[in-house]
Amino acid sequence: MTAVADYLRIVRDRFPEIVVDSVATYSGQFNDVLILNDALVFRFPRTDAAAAALRSEILTLQHLRGRLPIPIPAPKFTGIEDIGR
């Protein structure tokens, strides 16, 4: 896993409005995950295939939002233009 400090630097550079009070880290099969302030989840894909799947997931969620009678997650902080390596 890339150092947590590297991921935090990416988040802080990209989203300076986020104040980080707490950090939890998880290493999944396809993504490294940071949970900031017990509320914000950031996924960092480990492979090109995982990056493509994450990009597809974000686009699908954006497409479905407001079209179904159930709540759909709305990714707020994304770097989708950077996903896909």
N, C-alpha and C. Protein backbone atom coordinates (compact mmCIF):
# COMPACT_ATOMS: atom_id res chain seq x y z
N MET A 1 0.85 -1.18 0.00
CA MET A 1 0.00 0.00 0.00
C MET A 1 0.89 1.24 0.00
N THR A 2 0.52 2.18 -0.84
CA THR A 2 1.23 3.46 -0.83
C THR A 2 1.06 4.07 0.55
N ALA A 3 2.02 4.80 0.99
CA ALA A 3 1.97 5.40 2.32
C ALA A 3 0.72 6.26 2.48
N VAL A 4 0.13 6.17 3.65
CA VAL A 4 -1.06 6.96 3.96
C VAL A 4 -0.76 8.44 3.73
N ALA A 5 0.43 8.87 4.04
CA ALA A 5 0.81 10.27 3.84
C ALA A 5 0.68 10.67 2.37
N ASP A 6 1.01 9.75 1.46
CA ASP A 6 0.87 10.05 0.02
C ASP A 6 -0.59 10.25 -0.35
N TYR A 7 -1.46 9.38 0.14
CA TYR A 7 -2.89 9.51 -0.15
C TYR A 7 -3.45 10.80 0.46
N LEU A 8 -3.04 11.10 1.68
CA LEU A 8 -3.50 12.34 2.31
C LEU A 8 -3.04 13.56 1.53
N ARG A 9 -1.84 13.51 1.01
CA ARG A 9 -1.33 14.62 0.21
C ARG A 9 -2.18 14.79 -1.05
N ILE A 10 -2.54 13.70 -1.67
CA ILE A 10 -3.40 13.77 -2.86
C ILE A 10 -4.73 14.42 -2.51
N VAL A 11 -5.35 13.97 -1.43
CA VAL A 11 -6.64 14.52 -1.01
C VAL A 11 -6.50 16.00 -0.68
N ARG A 12 -5.48 16.35 0.08
CA ARG A 12 -5.31 17.77 0.46
C ARG A 12 -5.01 18.65 -0.75
N ASP A 13 -4.22 18.17 -1.68
CA ASP A 13 -3.92 18.95 -2.88
C ASP A 13 -5.17 19.15 -3.73
N ARG A 14 -5.94 18.10 -3.85
CA ARG A 14 -7.12 18.12 -4.73
C ARG A 14 -8.32 18.80 -4.09
N PHE A 15 -8.47 18.63 -2.78
CA PHE A 15 -9.64 19.15 -2.06
C PHE A 15 -9.20 19.89 -0.80
N PRO A 16 -8.61 21.07 -0.95
CA PRO A 16 -8.07 21.79 0.22
C PRO A 16 -9.14 22.20 1.22
N GLU A 17 -10.40 22.18 0.84
CA GLU A 17 -11.47 22.54 1.77
C GLU A 17 -11.74 21.48 2.83
N ILE A 18 -11.23 20.28 2.64
CA ILE A 18 -11.45 19.21 3.61
C ILE A 18 -10.45 19.36 4.76
N VAL A 19 -10.98 19.47 5.95
CA VAL A 19 -10.15 19.50 7.16
C VAL A 19 -10.13 18.07 7.70
N VAL A 20 -8.95 17.51 7.84
CA VAL A 20 -8.82 16.12 8.27
C VAL A 20 -8.55 16.07 9.77
N ASP A 21 -9.53 15.49 10.48
CA ASP A 21 -9.38 15.31 11.92
C ASP A 21 -9.03 13.87 12.29
N SER A 22 -9.48 12.92 11.48
CA SER A 22 -9.17 11.52 11.76
C SER A 22 -9.05 10.76 10.44
N VAL A 23 -8.23 9.70 10.48
CA VAL A 23 -7.98 8.88 9.29
C VAL A 23 -8.02 7.42 9.69
N ALA A 24 -8.79 6.64 8.94
CA ALA A 24 -8.76 5.19 9.06
C ALA A 24 -8.37 4.65 7.69
N THR A 25 -7.58 3.59 7.66
CA THR A 25 -7.14 3.03 6.38
C THR A 25 -7.53 1.57 6.29
N TYR A 26 -7.82 1.15 5.07
CA TYR A 26 -8.14 -0.24 4.79
C TYR A 26 -7.50 -0.62 3.47
N SER A 27 -7.10 -1.84 3.37
CA SER A 27 -6.50 -2.34 2.15
C SER A 27 -7.40 -3.45 1.62
N GLY A 28 -8.13 -3.14 0.55
CA GLY A 28 -9.03 -4.12 -0.05
C GLY A 28 -8.35 -4.87 -1.18
N GLN A 29 -9.11 -5.73 -1.81
CA GLN A 29 -8.56 -6.52 -2.90
C GLN A 29 -8.20 -5.66 -4.11
N PHE A 30 -9.04 -4.64 -4.40
CA PHE A 30 -8.84 -3.84 -5.59
C PHE A 30 -8.49 -2.38 -5.32
N ASN A 31 -8.78 -1.91 -4.10
CA ASN A 31 -8.57 -0.50 -3.76
C ASN A 31 -7.93 -0.37 -2.39
N ASP A 32 -7.16 0.70 -2.22
CA ASP A 32 -6.77 1.14 -0.89
C ASP A 32 -7.80 2.20 -0.52
N VAL A 33 -8.21 2.22 0.74
CA VAL A 33 -9.31 3.08 1.17
C VAL A 33 -8.88 3.94 2.35
N LEU A 34 -9.23 5.22 2.27
CA LEU A 34 -9.08 6.13 3.40
C LEU A 34 -10.48 6.56 3.82
N ILE A 35 -10.75 6.54 5.12
CA ILE A 35 -11.98 7.10 5.64
C ILE A 35 -11.56 8.28 6.51
N LEU A 36 -11.97 9.45 6.08
CA LEU A 36 -11.59 10.68 6.77
C LEU A 36 -12.74 11.18 7.63
N ASN A 37 -12.41 11.53 8.85
CA ASN A 37 -13.38 12.12 9.78
C ASN A 37 -14.60 11.23 9.99
N ASP A 38 -14.42 9.93 9.89
CA ASP A 38 -15.51 8.96 10.05
C ASP A 38 -16.68 9.22 9.11
N ALA A 39 -16.43 9.91 7.99
CA ALA A 39 -17.54 10.28 7.12
C ALA A 39 -17.22 10.22 5.63
N LEU A 40 -16.03 10.55 5.23
CA LEU A 40 -15.68 10.63 3.82
C LEU A 40 -14.83 9.44 3.42
N VAL A 41 -15.25 8.74 2.38
CA VAL A 41 -14.55 7.54 1.92
C VAL A 41 -13.85 7.86 0.61
N PHE A 42 -12.55 7.64 0.58
CA PHE A 42 -11.75 7.83 -0.63
C PHE A 42 -11.16 6.48 -1.02
N ARG A 43 -11.40 6.08 -2.26
CA ARG A 43 -10.87 4.82 -2.78
C ARG A 43 -9.78 5.12 -3.80
N PHE A 44 -8.67 4.42 -3.66
CA PHE A 44 -7.55 4.57 -4.56
C PHE A 44 -7.32 3.21 -5.24
N PRO A 45 -7.68 3.09 -6.53
CA PRO A 45 -7.55 1.80 -7.21
C PRO A 45 -6.10 1.37 -7.31
N ARG A 46 -5.90 0.07 -7.19
CA ARG A 46 -4.55 -0.49 -7.23
C ARG A 46 -4.09 -0.87 -8.63
N THR A 47 -5.03 -1.13 -9.52
CA THR A 47 -4.67 -1.59 -10.87
C THR A 47 -5.45 -0.78 -11.90
N ASP A 48 -5.06 -0.92 -13.15
CA ASP A 48 -5.79 -0.26 -14.23
C ASP A 48 -7.22 -0.79 -14.31
N ALA A 49 -7.38 -2.10 -14.12
CA ALA A 49 -8.73 -2.68 -14.16
C ALA A 49 -9.59 -2.15 -13.03
N ALA A 50 -9.03 -2.01 -11.84
CA ALA A 50 -9.78 -1.45 -10.71
C ALA A 50 -10.12 0.02 -10.97
N ALA A 51 -9.22 0.75 -11.61
CA ALA A 51 -9.49 2.15 -11.94
C ALA A 51 -10.63 2.25 -12.94
N ALA A 52 -10.65 1.38 -13.94
CA ALA A 52 -11.73 1.38 -14.93
C ALA A 52 -13.06 1.03 -14.26
N ALA A 53 -13.05 0.07 -13.35
CA ALA A 53 -14.28 -0.32 -12.64
C ALA A 53 -14.78 0.82 -11.77
N LEU A 54 -13.88 1.52 -11.10
CA LEU A 54 -14.28 2.64 -10.25
C LEU A 54 -14.85 3.77 -11.10
N ARG A 55 -14.22 4.05 -12.21
CA ARG A 55 -14.73 5.09 -13.11
C ARG A 55 -16.14 4.73 -13.58
N SER A 56 -16.34 3.49 -13.96
CA SER A 56 -17.65 3.02 -14.41
C SER A 56 -18.68 3.13 -13.28
N GLU A 57 -18.29 2.78 -12.08
CA GLU A 57 -19.19 2.87 -10.93
C GLU A 57 -19.63 4.32 -10.69
N ILE A 58 -18.68 5.24 -10.74
CA ILE A 58 -19.01 6.65 -10.52
C ILE A 58 -19.97 7.15 -11.60
N LEU A 59 -19.69 6.82 -12.86
CA LEU A 59 -20.57 7.25 -13.96
C LEU A 59 -21.96 6.64 -13.83
N THR A 60 -22.03 5.38 -13.42
CA THR A 60 -23.32 4.72 -13.24
C THR A 60 -24.11 5.38 -12.13
N LEU A 61 -23.47 5.67 -11.00
CA LEU A 61 -24.16 6.34 -9.90
C LEU A 61 -24.68 7.71 -10.33
N GLN A 62 -23.87 8.46 -11.07
CA GLN A 62 -24.30 9.77 -11.55
C GLN A 62 -25.50 9.64 -12.48
N HIS A 63 -25.51 8.63 -13.33
CA HIS A 63 -26.60 8.41 -14.27
C HIS A 63 -27.89 8.01 -13.55
N LEU A 64 -27.78 7.19 -12.53
CA LEU A 64 -28.97 6.69 -11.83
C LEU A 64 -29.57 7.69 -10.85
N ARG A 65 -28.77 8.61 -10.38
CA ARG A 65 -29.24 9.56 -9.37
C ARG A 65 -30.45 10.33 -9.89
N GLY A 66 -31.53 10.30 -9.12
CA GLY A 66 -32.75 11.01 -9.48
C GLY A 66 -33.65 10.24 -10.43
N ARG A 67 -33.22 9.08 -10.88
CA ARG A 67 -34.02 8.29 -11.82
C ARG A 67 -34.69 7.09 -11.16
N LEU A 68 -34.31 6.82 -9.94
CA LEU A 68 -34.88 5.68 -9.21
C LEU A 68 -35.55 6.17 -7.94
N PRO A 69 -36.51 5.42 -7.43
CA PRO A 69 -37.22 5.86 -6.23
C PRO A 69 -36.49 5.55 -4.92
N ILE A 70 -35.21 5.21 -5.03
CA ILE A 70 -34.41 4.92 -3.84
C ILE A 70 -33.22 5.86 -3.81
N PRO A 71 -32.65 6.09 -2.62
CA PRO A 71 -31.47 6.96 -2.55
C PRO A 71 -30.28 6.33 -3.28
N ILE A 72 -29.60 7.13 -4.05
CA ILE A 72 -28.40 6.70 -4.77
C ILE A 72 -27.23 7.53 -4.24
N PRO A 73 -26.14 6.88 -3.87
CA PRO A 73 -24.97 7.65 -3.40
C PRO A 73 -24.53 8.67 -4.45
N ALA A 74 -24.12 9.81 -3.97
CA ALA A 74 -23.65 10.88 -4.87
C ALA A 74 -22.19 11.18 -4.55
N PRO A 75 -21.26 10.58 -5.30
CA PRO A 75 -19.85 10.86 -5.05
C PRO A 75 -19.60 12.36 -5.15
N LYS A 76 -19.09 12.93 -4.08
CA LYS A 76 -18.90 14.37 -4.01
C LYS A 76 -17.47 14.77 -4.37
N PHE A 77 -16.52 14.05 -3.87
CA PHE A 77 -15.12 14.37 -4.11
C PHE A 77 -14.53 13.27 -4.99
N THR A 78 -14.42 13.54 -6.27
CA THR A 78 -13.88 12.53 -7.17
C THR A 78 -12.73 13.11 -7.98
N GLY A 79 -11.92 12.23 -8.44
CA GLY A 79 -10.87 12.57 -9.39
C GLY A 79 -11.09 11.74 -10.63
N ILE A 80 -12.35 11.65 -11.05
CA ILE A 80 -12.72 10.75 -12.13
C ILE A 80 -11.90 11.02 -13.40
N GLU A 81 -11.55 12.25 -13.63
CA GLU A 81 -10.77 12.55 -14.84
C GLU A 81 -9.37 11.97 -14.74
N ASP A 82 -8.93 11.63 -13.54
CA ASP A 82 -7.61 11.03 -13.35
C ASP A 82 -7.65 9.51 -13.32
N ILE A 83 -8.86 8.96 -13.25
CA ILE A 83 -9.01 7.50 -13.14
C ILE A 83 -8.89 6.89 -14.55
N GLY A 84 -8.17 5.82 -14.64
CA GLY A 84 -8.04 5.11 -15.90
C GLY A 84 -6.61 5.02 -16.36
N ARG A 85 -5.78 5.74 -15.67
CA ARG A 85 -4.32 5.71 -15.86
C ARG A 85 -3.99 5.66 -17.31
